[in-house]
Each structure stands twice: as structure tokens, then as C-alpha cells.
């Protein structure tokens, strides 16, 4: 069994199953017994392999949740291009994935940050570091847009990046309980208007 757990493909499958359970029920509401049952592992093998439920989740955060967030990132392009259509396209794609998911429970990263806030500093640091990667990437893209003349030079790129992230997470939360297609369309439309207001309209 140890050899199986050390296999990277098997490890990915265990983490994916664990993440699915945590995302559905929440970390705190998932007992170690439920987790072991979901993974079809005895408690002894789980502890030998992953140390603890907390360490198992950190492994998930460092791999799967990070990868999930990387899907929302756009590396600054090497040529001149407005950042706004790029950002809109990526967010629109993620919203479509949520609309078509039967198990959508909101923004995975935001849900876990909220759950661990003021409860588990160790895990929350990993999650907030992931959020910071997204923020830094957006700021870089927007600043390049300023240098290339697409973003108004007076725009606070850090503020815009934080607005994009917080509004996206808010929209994802509302989509869980409401008409997800309608809410997604409204959000993208309003984001488009906002981007127009901070763009350099003379470029």
C-alpha cells in the first residue's frame, strides 16, 4: 500500500477525491473517519502516508487548489495587447465551467479561505499565498497595459486587481443559489463596462 501511495498518479487521485469531499462538506465538517472512508484507506495507513488531515489538506492546497487558481491567471503577453479582453475571456470561461457543473459550490479558494480564517493560520497562509499569486499576476498585466497605452495612466492597478478578484468571488457565491447563467452574464457585462471606464479610449 505504501508503494501505491507514493506513486504520483495515485497521490493525485487521493487528493482529488479528498478535495471533492472537502469542497462539498467543508474541511471542519469532514471527519478523519469520513475522509479515510472516502479514500478507502484505514486510519493507520492514512496517518502513515499523510501525517494528519491538516497535512493532507495542505498537500491539496499546494497542488490542486493552486492549479485551479492558475487557470484564472494570464501571463503578461510579450506583445502589445489590451489586458481587458484577456481577463474577460478567462473569467468568462471559468464562469461557464461553474454553470455546467452539477456540483458547483462557489469559488473553491474563497470558500476555504473563509472557512479557515481565524481558525487555522497554517492552512490559511497557504491559501492566501495562492490568492496573492493571482493578484500579482493581474497587477503585472494591468501595469503592462498602462505602459502599452491601453489602461488609463491614473488607474490604481493594485486596486483594480483586488476589485476583479473580490467581485469574481462574490459573483461565484451568488451563482450557487441563484440563476447562475443570468448572474454570470450580468457580472461579465458590468465588468466589461468597468473596464471600459478605466481604459485609455484614445488608443
N, C-alpha and C. Protein backbone atom coordinates (compact mmCIF):
# COMPACT_ATOMS: atom_id res chain seq x y z
N UNK A 1 0.83 -1.21 0.00
CA UNK A 1 0.00 0.00 0.00
C UNK A 1 0.86 1.26 0.00
N UNK A 2 2.01 1.20 0.75
CA UNK A 2 2.89 2.36 0.81
C UNK A 2 3.39 2.74 -0.58
N UNK A 3 3.78 1.70 -1.35
CA UNK A 3 4.29 1.95 -2.69
C UNK A 3 3.23 2.62 -3.56
N UNK A 4 1.98 2.16 -3.40
CA UNK A 4 0.88 2.74 -4.16
C UNK A 4 0.69 4.21 -3.82
N UNK A 5 0.76 4.54 -2.54
CA UNK A 5 0.53 5.92 -2.11
C UNK A 5 1.66 6.84 -2.55
N UNK A 6 2.86 6.30 -2.70
CA UNK A 6 3.98 7.13 -3.11
C UNK A 6 3.96 7.41 -4.62
N UNK A 7 3.17 6.66 -5.36
CA UNK A 7 3.04 6.88 -6.79
C UNK A 7 2.34 8.21 -7.03
N UNK A 8 2.93 9.06 -7.89
CA UNK A 8 2.39 10.41 -8.08
C UNK A 8 0.97 10.40 -8.65
N UNK A 9 0.69 9.44 -9.52
CA UNK A 9 -0.65 9.35 -10.11
C UNK A 9 -1.68 8.97 -9.04
N UNK A 10 -1.31 8.01 -8.19
CA UNK A 10 -2.20 7.59 -7.11
C UNK A 10 -2.39 8.73 -6.11
N UNK A 11 -1.31 9.43 -5.82
CA UNK A 11 -1.37 10.56 -4.88
C UNK A 11 -2.32 11.63 -5.41
N UNK A 12 -2.25 11.90 -6.71
CA UNK A 12 -3.14 12.89 -7.32
C UNK A 12 -4.60 12.45 -7.18
N UNK A 13 -4.87 11.17 -7.37
CA UNK A 13 -6.24 10.66 -7.26
C UNK A 13 -6.77 10.78 -5.83
N UNK A 14 -5.93 10.47 -4.85
CA UNK A 14 -6.33 10.61 -3.44
C UNK A 14 -6.64 12.07 -3.11
N UNK A 15 -5.79 12.95 -3.58
CA UNK A 15 -6.01 14.38 -3.31
C UNK A 15 -7.28 14.88 -4.00
N UNK A 16 -7.49 14.43 -5.24
CA UNK A 16 -8.68 14.85 -5.98
C UNK A 16 -9.96 14.39 -5.27
N UNK A 17 -9.96 13.15 -4.79
CA UNK A 17 -11.14 12.62 -4.06
C UNK A 17 -11.33 13.37 -2.75
N UNK A 18 -10.21 13.64 -2.07
CA UNK A 18 -10.28 14.38 -0.81
C UNK A 18 -10.78 15.79 -1.01
N UNK A 19 -10.30 16.46 -2.06
CA UNK A 19 -10.73 17.82 -2.35
C UNK A 19 -12.22 17.85 -2.66
N UNK A 20 -12.69 16.88 -3.41
CA UNK A 20 -14.12 16.81 -3.74
C UNK A 20 -14.96 16.72 -2.47
N UNK A 21 -14.51 15.92 -1.51
CA UNK A 21 -15.23 15.77 -0.24
C UNK A 21 -15.16 17.06 0.59
N UNK A 22 -13.98 17.66 0.68
CA UNK A 22 -13.82 18.91 1.44
C UNK A 22 -14.65 20.04 0.82
N UNK A 23 -14.64 20.11 -0.50
CA UNK A 23 -15.37 21.16 -1.22
C UNK A 23 -16.88 21.01 -1.00
N UNK A 24 -17.35 19.78 -0.96
CA UNK A 24 -18.77 19.52 -0.78
C UNK A 24 -19.22 19.77 0.66
N UNK A 25 -18.45 19.26 1.62
CA UNK A 25 -18.89 19.31 3.03
C UNK A 25 -18.20 20.37 3.88
N UNK A 26 -17.07 20.89 3.40
CA UNK A 26 -16.26 21.78 4.22
C UNK A 26 -15.21 20.98 4.97
N UNK A 27 -14.09 21.60 5.25
CA UNK A 27 -12.99 20.90 5.93
C UNK A 27 -13.40 20.50 7.34
N UNK A 28 -13.94 21.45 8.10
CA UNK A 28 -14.27 21.18 9.50
C UNK A 28 -15.38 20.14 9.64
N UNK A 29 -16.29 20.10 8.70
CA UNK A 29 -17.41 19.16 8.76
C UNK A 29 -17.06 17.77 8.24
N UNK A 30 -15.82 17.61 7.80
CA UNK A 30 -15.37 16.31 7.31
C UNK A 30 -14.47 15.67 8.36
N UNK A 31 -14.94 14.59 8.94
CA UNK A 31 -14.15 13.91 9.97
C UNK A 31 -13.05 13.07 9.32
N UNK A 32 -12.06 12.72 10.10
CA UNK A 32 -10.98 11.87 9.60
C UNK A 32 -11.53 10.52 9.16
N UNK A 33 -12.52 10.02 9.89
CA UNK A 33 -13.13 8.74 9.55
C UNK A 33 -13.83 8.82 8.19
N UNK A 34 -14.55 9.91 7.95
CA UNK A 34 -15.23 10.09 6.65
C UNK A 34 -14.21 10.20 5.53
N UNK A 35 -13.12 10.90 5.79
CA UNK A 35 -12.08 11.08 4.79
C UNK A 35 -11.44 9.74 4.43
N UNK A 36 -11.10 8.96 5.46
CA UNK A 36 -10.49 7.65 5.22
C UNK A 36 -11.45 6.74 4.46
N UNK A 37 -12.73 6.82 4.82
CA UNK A 37 -13.75 6.01 4.15
C UNK A 37 -13.85 6.40 2.68
N UNK A 38 -13.81 7.70 2.41
CA UNK A 38 -13.88 8.21 1.03
C UNK A 38 -12.68 7.74 0.21
N UNK A 39 -11.52 7.69 0.84
CA UNK A 39 -10.29 7.30 0.15
C UNK A 39 -10.06 5.78 0.15
N UNK A 40 -10.95 5.06 0.87
CA UNK A 40 -10.82 3.60 1.02
C UNK A 40 -9.47 3.22 1.64
N UNK A 41 -9.11 3.98 2.69
CA UNK A 41 -7.87 3.73 3.43
C UNK A 41 -8.20 3.53 4.90
N UNK A 42 -7.42 2.71 5.55
CA UNK A 42 -7.57 2.60 7.00
C UNK A 42 -6.97 3.85 7.63
N UNK A 43 -7.39 4.14 8.86
CA UNK A 43 -6.88 5.33 9.56
C UNK A 43 -5.36 5.23 9.72
N UNK A 44 -4.87 4.01 9.99
CA UNK A 44 -3.44 3.81 10.22
C UNK A 44 -2.63 4.11 8.95
N UNK A 45 -3.12 3.61 7.80
CA UNK A 45 -2.42 3.85 6.53
C UNK A 45 -2.46 5.32 6.17
N UNK A 46 -3.61 5.98 6.43
CA UNK A 46 -3.73 7.41 6.14
C UNK A 46 -2.71 8.21 6.95
N UNK A 47 -2.62 7.93 8.25
CA UNK A 47 -1.69 8.67 9.13
C UNK A 47 -0.25 8.39 8.72
N UNK A 48 0.06 7.12 8.40
CA UNK A 48 1.42 6.77 7.96
C UNK A 48 1.80 7.51 6.68
N UNK A 49 0.82 7.70 5.81
CA UNK A 49 1.08 8.28 4.49
C UNK A 49 1.03 9.80 4.47
N UNK A 50 0.05 10.38 5.20
CA UNK A 50 -0.20 11.82 5.10
C UNK A 50 0.01 12.58 6.40
N UNK A 51 0.35 11.90 7.48
CA UNK A 51 0.60 12.51 8.80
C UNK A 51 -0.69 12.91 9.51
N UNK A 52 -1.48 13.76 8.87
CA UNK A 52 -2.70 14.26 9.52
C UNK A 52 -3.67 14.78 8.46
N UNK A 53 -4.89 15.04 8.87
CA UNK A 53 -5.87 15.64 7.96
C UNK A 53 -5.39 17.01 7.51
N UNK A 54 -4.79 17.76 8.41
CA UNK A 54 -4.29 19.10 8.08
C UNK A 54 -3.20 19.03 7.02
N UNK A 55 -2.23 18.13 7.21
CA UNK A 55 -1.14 18.00 6.24
C UNK A 55 -1.66 17.51 4.89
N UNK A 56 -2.65 16.63 4.92
CA UNK A 56 -3.27 16.15 3.68
C UNK A 56 -3.90 17.32 2.94
N UNK A 57 -4.59 18.20 3.65
CA UNK A 57 -5.23 19.35 3.01
C UNK A 57 -4.18 20.32 2.46
N UNK A 58 -3.09 20.52 3.20
CA UNK A 58 -2.03 21.40 2.72
C UNK A 58 -1.46 20.87 1.40
N UNK A 59 -1.31 19.56 1.29
CA UNK A 59 -0.87 18.96 0.03
C UNK A 59 -1.85 19.25 -1.10
N UNK A 60 -3.13 19.23 -0.78
CA UNK A 60 -4.17 19.57 -1.75
C UNK A 60 -4.05 21.03 -2.16
N UNK A 61 -3.86 21.91 -1.17
CA UNK A 61 -3.75 23.35 -1.44
C UNK A 61 -2.55 23.64 -2.33
N UNK A 62 -1.42 23.01 -2.04
CA UNK A 62 -0.18 23.27 -2.78
C UNK A 62 -0.23 22.74 -4.21
N UNK A 63 -1.12 21.81 -4.47
CA UNK A 63 -1.20 21.20 -5.79
C UNK A 63 -2.50 21.54 -6.51
N UNK A 64 -3.61 20.97 -6.06
CA UNK A 64 -4.87 21.09 -6.81
C UNK A 64 -5.50 22.48 -6.72
N UNK A 65 -5.54 23.07 -5.52
CA UNK A 65 -6.17 24.39 -5.39
C UNK A 65 -5.31 25.44 -6.09
N UNK A 66 -4.01 25.30 -5.99
CA UNK A 66 -3.11 26.20 -6.72
C UNK A 66 -3.35 26.07 -8.23
N UNK A 67 -3.44 24.82 -8.72
CA UNK A 67 -3.66 24.62 -10.16
C UNK A 67 -5.00 25.19 -10.59
N UNK A 68 -6.01 25.02 -9.74
CA UNK A 68 -7.34 25.57 -10.03
C UNK A 68 -7.28 27.08 -10.19
N UNK A 69 -6.50 27.74 -9.34
CA UNK A 69 -6.36 29.20 -9.40
C UNK A 69 -5.51 29.62 -10.60
N UNK A 70 -4.50 28.81 -10.93
CA UNK A 70 -3.64 29.14 -12.08
C UNK A 70 -4.45 29.20 -13.37
N UNK A 71 -5.58 28.49 -13.41
CA UNK A 71 -6.44 28.54 -14.59
C UNK A 71 -6.99 29.94 -14.81
N UNK A 72 -7.04 30.76 -13.74
CA UNK A 72 -7.56 32.12 -13.84
C UNK A 72 -6.46 33.14 -14.17
N UNK A 73 -5.23 32.67 -14.26
CA UNK A 73 -4.11 33.59 -14.49
C UNK A 73 -3.83 33.75 -15.97
N UNK A 74 -3.34 34.91 -16.31
CA UNK A 74 -2.88 35.18 -17.67
C UNK A 74 -1.48 35.75 -17.55
N UNK A 75 -0.51 35.05 -18.09
CA UNK A 75 0.85 35.59 -18.05
C UNK A 75 0.91 36.85 -18.92
N UNK A 76 1.57 37.90 -18.44
CA UNK A 76 1.70 39.11 -19.25
C UNK A 76 2.24 38.78 -20.65
N UNK A 77 1.52 39.25 -21.66
CA UNK A 77 1.90 38.92 -23.03
C UNK A 77 3.12 39.74 -23.47
N UNK A 78 3.90 39.17 -24.37
CA UNK A 78 5.14 39.81 -24.80
C UNK A 78 4.90 40.90 -25.84
N UNK A 79 3.71 40.92 -26.42
CA UNK A 79 3.42 41.91 -27.44
C UNK A 79 2.32 42.85 -26.96
N UNK A 80 2.14 43.93 -27.66
CA UNK A 80 1.13 44.93 -27.26
C UNK A 80 -0.28 44.38 -27.44
N UNK A 81 -1.03 44.37 -26.35
CA UNK A 81 -2.42 43.92 -26.40
C UNK A 81 -3.15 44.42 -25.16
N UNK A 82 -4.38 44.84 -25.35
CA UNK A 82 -5.16 45.28 -24.19
C UNK A 82 -5.38 44.13 -23.23
N UNK A 83 -5.20 44.36 -21.92
CA UNK A 83 -5.39 43.27 -20.96
C UNK A 83 -6.87 42.94 -20.72
N UNK A 84 -7.76 43.87 -21.04
CA UNK A 84 -9.17 43.68 -20.67
C UNK A 84 -9.86 42.51 -21.37
N UNK A 85 -9.73 42.37 -22.69
CA UNK A 85 -10.35 41.19 -23.33
C UNK A 85 -9.77 39.87 -22.81
N UNK A 86 -8.46 39.88 -22.51
CA UNK A 86 -7.81 38.67 -21.99
C UNK A 86 -8.42 38.26 -20.65
N UNK A 87 -8.57 39.23 -19.75
CA UNK A 87 -9.13 38.96 -18.43
C UNK A 87 -10.58 38.51 -18.55
N UNK A 88 -11.34 39.21 -19.38
CA UNK A 88 -12.76 38.86 -19.56
C UNK A 88 -12.92 37.44 -20.11
N UNK A 89 -12.08 37.07 -21.08
CA UNK A 89 -12.18 35.74 -21.68
C UNK A 89 -11.92 34.64 -20.66
N UNK A 90 -10.89 34.82 -19.84
CA UNK A 90 -10.54 33.81 -18.84
C UNK A 90 -11.64 33.68 -17.78
N UNK A 91 -12.14 34.82 -17.29
CA UNK A 91 -13.20 34.79 -16.28
C UNK A 91 -14.48 34.19 -16.86
N UNK A 92 -14.80 34.56 -18.08
CA UNK A 92 -15.99 34.03 -18.75
C UNK A 92 -15.90 32.52 -18.88
N UNK A 93 -14.73 32.01 -19.21
CA UNK A 93 -14.53 30.57 -19.33
C UNK A 93 -14.74 29.86 -17.99
N UNK A 94 -14.21 30.45 -16.91
CA UNK A 94 -14.38 29.86 -15.58
C UNK A 94 -15.84 29.88 -15.13
N UNK A 95 -16.55 30.95 -15.46
CA UNK A 95 -17.97 31.03 -15.12
C UNK A 95 -18.77 29.98 -15.87
N UNK A 96 -18.42 29.75 -17.13
CA UNK A 96 -19.10 28.72 -17.93
C UNK A 96 -18.89 27.33 -17.32
N UNK A 97 -17.68 27.08 -16.85
CA UNK A 97 -17.39 25.80 -16.20
C UNK A 97 -18.29 25.62 -14.97
N UNK A 98 -18.45 26.69 -14.20
CA UNK A 98 -19.29 26.64 -13.00
C UNK A 98 -20.75 26.39 -13.35
N UNK A 99 -21.23 27.06 -14.40
CA UNK A 99 -22.62 26.91 -14.84
C UNK A 99 -22.90 25.46 -15.23
N UNK A 100 -21.93 24.83 -15.87
CA UNK A 100 -22.12 23.47 -16.37
C UNK A 100 -21.78 22.39 -15.35
N UNK A 101 -21.37 22.80 -14.14
CA UNK A 101 -21.02 21.83 -13.10
C UNK A 101 -22.22 21.51 -12.23
N UNK A 102 -22.50 20.24 -12.05
CA UNK A 102 -23.65 19.84 -11.21
C UNK A 102 -23.29 19.93 -9.72
N UNK A 103 -22.00 20.02 -9.44
CA UNK A 103 -21.56 20.06 -8.04
C UNK A 103 -20.96 21.41 -7.67
N UNK A 104 -21.38 22.49 -8.36
CA UNK A 104 -20.81 23.81 -8.07
C UNK A 104 -21.19 24.27 -6.68
N UNK A 105 -20.18 24.69 -5.94
CA UNK A 105 -20.41 25.16 -4.57
C UNK A 105 -19.73 26.50 -4.34
N UNK A 106 -19.54 27.27 -5.41
CA UNK A 106 -18.89 28.57 -5.29
C UNK A 106 -17.40 28.49 -5.55
N UNK A 107 -16.72 29.61 -5.33
CA UNK A 107 -15.28 29.67 -5.53
C UNK A 107 -14.57 28.80 -4.50
N UNK A 108 -13.86 27.79 -4.98
CA UNK A 108 -13.18 26.85 -4.09
C UNK A 108 -12.21 27.57 -3.16
N UNK A 109 -11.37 28.44 -3.73
CA UNK A 109 -10.37 29.14 -2.93
C UNK A 109 -11.03 30.05 -1.91
N UNK A 110 -12.03 30.81 -2.32
CA UNK A 110 -12.72 31.72 -1.42
C UNK A 110 -13.42 30.96 -0.30
N UNK A 111 -14.06 29.84 -0.63
CA UNK A 111 -14.75 29.04 0.38
C UNK A 111 -13.79 28.59 1.48
N UNK A 112 -12.62 28.09 1.06
CA UNK A 112 -11.68 27.57 2.05
C UNK A 112 -11.01 28.71 2.84
N UNK A 113 -10.72 29.84 2.19
CA UNK A 113 -10.16 30.98 2.92
C UNK A 113 -11.14 31.43 4.00
N UNK A 114 -12.42 31.50 3.67
CA UNK A 114 -13.45 31.89 4.63
C UNK A 114 -13.53 30.89 5.77
N UNK A 115 -13.50 29.60 5.45
CA UNK A 115 -13.62 28.58 6.48
C UNK A 115 -12.44 28.59 7.45
N UNK A 116 -11.24 28.80 6.93
CA UNK A 116 -10.05 28.72 7.78
C UNK A 116 -9.67 30.05 8.43
N UNK A 117 -10.32 31.13 8.04
CA UNK A 117 -9.98 32.44 8.59
C UNK A 117 -10.13 32.46 10.11
N UNK A 118 -9.06 32.87 10.80
CA UNK A 118 -9.02 32.93 12.27
C UNK A 118 -9.19 31.57 12.94
N UNK A 119 -9.04 30.48 12.17
CA UNK A 119 -9.17 29.13 12.75
C UNK A 119 -7.90 28.31 12.59
N UNK A 120 -7.27 28.43 11.44
CA UNK A 120 -6.06 27.66 11.19
C UNK A 120 -5.10 28.52 10.38
N UNK A 121 -4.19 29.17 11.08
CA UNK A 121 -3.26 30.12 10.45
C UNK A 121 -2.36 29.43 9.43
N UNK A 122 -1.94 28.21 9.75
CA UNK A 122 -1.02 27.48 8.88
C UNK A 122 -1.64 27.22 7.50
N UNK A 123 -2.84 26.68 7.49
CA UNK A 123 -3.51 26.40 6.22
C UNK A 123 -3.88 27.70 5.51
N UNK A 124 -4.39 28.67 6.27
CA UNK A 124 -4.83 29.92 5.65
C UNK A 124 -3.69 30.65 4.96
N UNK A 125 -2.48 30.50 5.49
CA UNK A 125 -1.32 31.15 4.86
C UNK A 125 -1.09 30.57 3.46
N UNK A 126 -1.20 29.26 3.32
CA UNK A 126 -1.04 28.64 2.00
C UNK A 126 -2.10 29.16 1.04
N UNK A 127 -3.34 29.25 1.51
CA UNK A 127 -4.45 29.68 0.65
C UNK A 127 -4.29 31.15 0.25
N UNK A 128 -3.88 31.99 1.19
CA UNK A 128 -3.71 33.40 0.89
C UNK A 128 -2.51 33.65 -0.02
N UNK A 129 -1.51 32.78 0.07
CA UNK A 129 -0.36 32.88 -0.85
C UNK A 129 -0.82 32.61 -2.28
N UNK A 130 -1.74 31.65 -2.44
CA UNK A 130 -2.29 31.35 -3.77
C UNK A 130 -3.05 32.56 -4.30
N UNK A 131 -3.83 33.18 -3.42
CA UNK A 131 -4.59 34.37 -3.81
C UNK A 131 -3.64 35.49 -4.22
N UNK A 132 -2.51 35.60 -3.51
CA UNK A 132 -1.52 36.65 -3.81
C UNK A 132 -0.90 36.44 -5.20
N UNK A 133 -0.69 35.19 -5.58
CA UNK A 133 -0.14 34.89 -6.90
C UNK A 133 -1.08 35.43 -7.98
N UNK A 134 -2.37 35.21 -7.80
CA UNK A 134 -3.37 35.71 -8.75
C UNK A 134 -3.34 37.23 -8.80
N UNK A 135 -3.29 37.87 -7.62
CA UNK A 135 -3.28 39.33 -7.55
C UNK A 135 -2.06 39.91 -8.25
N UNK A 136 -0.88 39.36 -7.95
CA UNK A 136 0.36 39.86 -8.55
C UNK A 136 0.33 39.73 -10.07
N UNK A 137 -0.21 38.61 -10.54
CA UNK A 137 -0.30 38.38 -11.98
C UNK A 137 -1.19 39.41 -12.65
N UNK A 138 -2.35 39.70 -12.04
CA UNK A 138 -3.27 40.70 -12.58
C UNK A 138 -2.63 42.09 -12.59
N UNK A 139 -1.96 42.44 -11.49
CA UNK A 139 -1.31 43.75 -11.40
C UNK A 139 -0.26 43.89 -12.50
N UNK A 140 0.53 42.84 -12.74
CA UNK A 140 1.56 42.87 -13.79
C UNK A 140 0.93 43.09 -15.16
N UNK A 141 -0.17 42.39 -15.40
CA UNK A 141 -0.85 42.50 -16.69
C UNK A 141 -1.41 43.91 -16.89
N UNK A 142 -2.01 44.47 -15.83
CA UNK A 142 -2.59 45.81 -15.91
C UNK A 142 -1.51 46.89 -16.07
N UNK A 143 -0.40 46.73 -15.37
CA UNK A 143 0.70 47.70 -15.49
C UNK A 143 1.32 47.67 -16.87
N UNK A 144 1.42 46.48 -17.44
CA UNK A 144 1.91 46.38 -18.82
C UNK A 144 0.91 47.08 -19.75
N UNK A 145 -0.38 46.93 -19.45
CA UNK A 145 -1.41 47.61 -20.23
C UNK A 145 -1.27 49.12 -20.16
N UNK A 146 -0.86 49.63 -18.99
CA UNK A 146 -0.62 51.07 -18.85
C UNK A 146 0.57 51.49 -19.70
N UNK A 147 1.65 50.72 -19.63
CA UNK A 147 2.85 51.05 -20.40
C UNK A 147 2.58 51.00 -21.90
N UNK A 148 1.70 50.08 -22.31
CA UNK A 148 1.37 49.94 -23.74
C UNK A 148 0.28 50.91 -24.19
N UNK A 149 -0.28 51.66 -23.22
CA UNK A 149 -1.27 52.68 -23.57
C UNK A 149 -2.71 52.24 -23.60
N UNK A 150 -3.02 51.04 -23.07
CA UNK A 150 -4.40 50.54 -23.09
C UNK A 150 -5.16 50.85 -21.81
N UNK A 151 -4.43 51.03 -20.71
CA UNK A 151 -5.05 51.30 -19.41
C UNK A 151 -4.73 52.74 -19.02
N UNK A 152 -5.74 53.46 -18.57
CA UNK A 152 -5.56 54.85 -18.15
C UNK A 152 -4.40 54.95 -17.15
N UNK A 153 -3.51 55.90 -17.39
CA UNK A 153 -2.28 56.01 -16.57
C UNK A 153 -2.57 56.35 -15.11
N UNK A 154 -3.76 56.92 -14.81
CA UNK A 154 -4.09 57.28 -13.44
C UNK A 154 -4.73 56.13 -12.65
N UNK A 155 -4.94 55.00 -13.29
CA UNK A 155 -5.60 53.86 -12.65
C UNK A 155 -4.67 53.20 -11.63
N UNK A 156 -5.23 52.87 -10.46
CA UNK A 156 -4.50 52.13 -9.42
C UNK A 156 -4.61 50.64 -9.76
N UNK A 157 -3.56 50.07 -10.30
CA UNK A 157 -3.59 48.68 -10.78
C UNK A 157 -3.82 47.69 -9.64
N UNK A 158 -3.25 47.97 -8.46
CA UNK A 158 -3.49 47.09 -7.31
C UNK A 158 -4.96 47.09 -6.92
N UNK A 159 -5.56 48.29 -6.93
CA UNK A 159 -6.98 48.40 -6.59
C UNK A 159 -7.87 47.68 -7.59
N UNK A 160 -7.53 47.79 -8.88
CA UNK A 160 -8.30 47.12 -9.93
C UNK A 160 -8.17 45.61 -9.79
N UNK A 161 -6.96 45.12 -9.52
CA UNK A 161 -6.75 43.68 -9.34
C UNK A 161 -7.58 43.14 -8.18
N UNK A 162 -7.57 43.88 -7.08
CA UNK A 162 -8.36 43.45 -5.91
C UNK A 162 -9.85 43.48 -6.20
N UNK A 163 -10.28 44.47 -6.99
CA UNK A 163 -11.70 44.55 -7.36
C UNK A 163 -12.10 43.36 -8.23
N UNK A 164 -11.25 43.01 -9.20
CA UNK A 164 -11.53 41.87 -10.08
C UNK A 164 -11.69 40.59 -9.25
N UNK A 165 -10.74 40.37 -8.34
CA UNK A 165 -10.75 39.15 -7.53
C UNK A 165 -11.98 39.11 -6.62
N UNK A 166 -12.23 40.19 -5.90
CA UNK A 166 -13.34 40.20 -4.94
C UNK A 166 -14.70 40.13 -5.64
N UNK A 167 -14.84 40.82 -6.77
CA UNK A 167 -16.11 40.79 -7.49
C UNK A 167 -16.34 39.42 -8.11
N UNK A 168 -15.27 38.79 -8.60
CA UNK A 168 -15.39 37.44 -9.15
C UNK A 168 -15.84 36.46 -8.08
N UNK A 169 -15.22 36.53 -6.92
CA UNK A 169 -15.57 35.61 -5.84
C UNK A 169 -17.01 35.85 -5.35
N UNK A 170 -17.41 37.12 -5.32
CA UNK A 170 -18.78 37.44 -4.93
C UNK A 170 -19.78 36.90 -5.93
N UNK A 171 -19.48 37.06 -7.22
CA UNK A 171 -20.36 36.55 -8.27
C UNK A 171 -20.47 35.03 -8.19
N UNK A 172 -19.34 34.37 -7.94
CA UNK A 172 -19.35 32.91 -7.83
C UNK A 172 -20.21 32.44 -6.65
N UNK A 173 -20.19 33.19 -5.56
CA UNK A 173 -21.00 32.84 -4.40
C UNK A 173 -22.49 32.98 -4.72
N UNK A 174 -22.86 34.07 -5.36
CA UNK A 174 -24.27 34.31 -5.72
C UNK A 174 -24.78 33.27 -6.71
N UNK A 175 -23.91 32.81 -7.59
CA UNK A 175 -24.31 31.86 -8.62
C UNK A 175 -24.75 30.52 -8.05
N UNK A 176 -24.28 30.19 -6.86
CA UNK A 176 -24.62 28.90 -6.25
C UNK A 176 -26.11 28.80 -5.96
N UNK A 177 -26.69 29.89 -5.46
CA UNK A 177 -28.10 29.87 -5.04
C UNK A 177 -29.05 30.49 -6.05
N UNK A 178 -28.52 31.25 -7.02
CA UNK A 178 -29.39 31.96 -7.96
C UNK A 178 -29.35 31.37 -9.35
N UNK A 179 -29.86 32.13 -10.29
CA UNK A 179 -29.83 31.74 -11.71
C UNK A 179 -28.40 31.96 -12.20
N UNK A 180 -27.62 30.91 -12.22
CA UNK A 180 -26.18 31.04 -12.49
C UNK A 180 -25.89 31.65 -13.86
N UNK A 181 -26.65 31.25 -14.87
CA UNK A 181 -26.42 31.78 -16.21
C UNK A 181 -26.69 33.29 -16.27
N UNK A 182 -27.82 33.71 -15.69
CA UNK A 182 -28.19 35.12 -15.68
C UNK A 182 -27.17 35.94 -14.89
N UNK A 183 -26.81 35.46 -13.72
CA UNK A 183 -25.87 36.18 -12.87
C UNK A 183 -24.49 36.28 -13.53
N UNK A 184 -24.07 35.23 -14.18
CA UNK A 184 -22.78 35.24 -14.88
C UNK A 184 -22.80 36.26 -16.01
N UNK A 185 -23.88 36.27 -16.78
CA UNK A 185 -24.00 37.23 -17.89
C UNK A 185 -23.99 38.68 -17.38
N UNK A 186 -24.73 38.92 -16.28
CA UNK A 186 -24.80 40.26 -15.71
C UNK A 186 -23.43 40.69 -15.19
N UNK A 187 -22.74 39.77 -14.54
CA UNK A 187 -21.42 40.10 -13.99
C UNK A 187 -20.43 40.45 -15.10
N UNK A 188 -20.37 39.62 -16.14
CA UNK A 188 -19.45 39.87 -17.25
C UNK A 188 -19.77 41.21 -17.92
N UNK A 189 -21.06 41.50 -18.07
CA UNK A 189 -21.47 42.76 -18.70
C UNK A 189 -21.02 43.97 -17.87
N UNK A 190 -21.22 43.91 -16.56
CA UNK A 190 -20.82 45.01 -15.68
C UNK A 190 -19.30 45.14 -15.62
N UNK A 191 -18.61 44.01 -15.65
CA UNK A 191 -17.15 44.04 -15.65
C UNK A 191 -16.64 44.67 -16.94
N UNK A 192 -17.32 44.38 -18.02
CA UNK A 192 -16.96 44.98 -19.31
C UNK A 192 -17.12 46.51 -19.25
N UNK A 193 -18.23 46.99 -18.68
CA UNK A 193 -18.45 48.44 -18.52
C UNK A 193 -17.37 49.07 -17.65
N UNK A 194 -17.02 48.36 -16.58
CA UNK A 194 -16.00 48.87 -15.66
C UNK A 194 -14.65 49.00 -16.39
N UNK A 195 -14.29 47.98 -17.14
CA UNK A 195 -13.02 48.01 -17.87
C UNK A 195 -13.02 49.16 -18.89
N UNK A 196 -14.13 49.39 -19.52
CA UNK A 196 -14.22 50.49 -20.49
C UNK A 196 -13.97 51.83 -19.79
N UNK A 197 -14.47 51.95 -18.55
CA UNK A 197 -14.33 53.22 -17.82
C UNK A 197 -12.89 53.51 -17.41
N UNK A 198 -12.06 52.48 -17.31
CA UNK A 198 -10.66 52.69 -16.90
C UNK A 198 -9.69 52.49 -18.06
N UNK A 199 -10.23 52.27 -19.25
CA UNK A 199 -9.35 52.07 -20.39
C UNK A 199 -8.94 53.41 -20.99
N UNK A 200 -7.85 53.40 -21.73
CA UNK A 200 -7.45 54.57 -22.48
C UNK A 200 -8.20 54.53 -23.80
N UNK A 201 -9.26 55.30 -23.88
CA UNK A 201 -10.19 55.22 -25.02
C UNK A 201 -9.59 55.79 -26.30
N UNK A 202 -8.41 56.42 -26.20
CA UNK A 202 -7.80 57.03 -27.37
C UNK A 202 -6.75 56.14 -28.01
N UNK A 203 -6.58 54.96 -27.45
CA UNK A 203 -5.57 54.05 -28.02
C UNK A 203 -6.22 53.21 -29.13
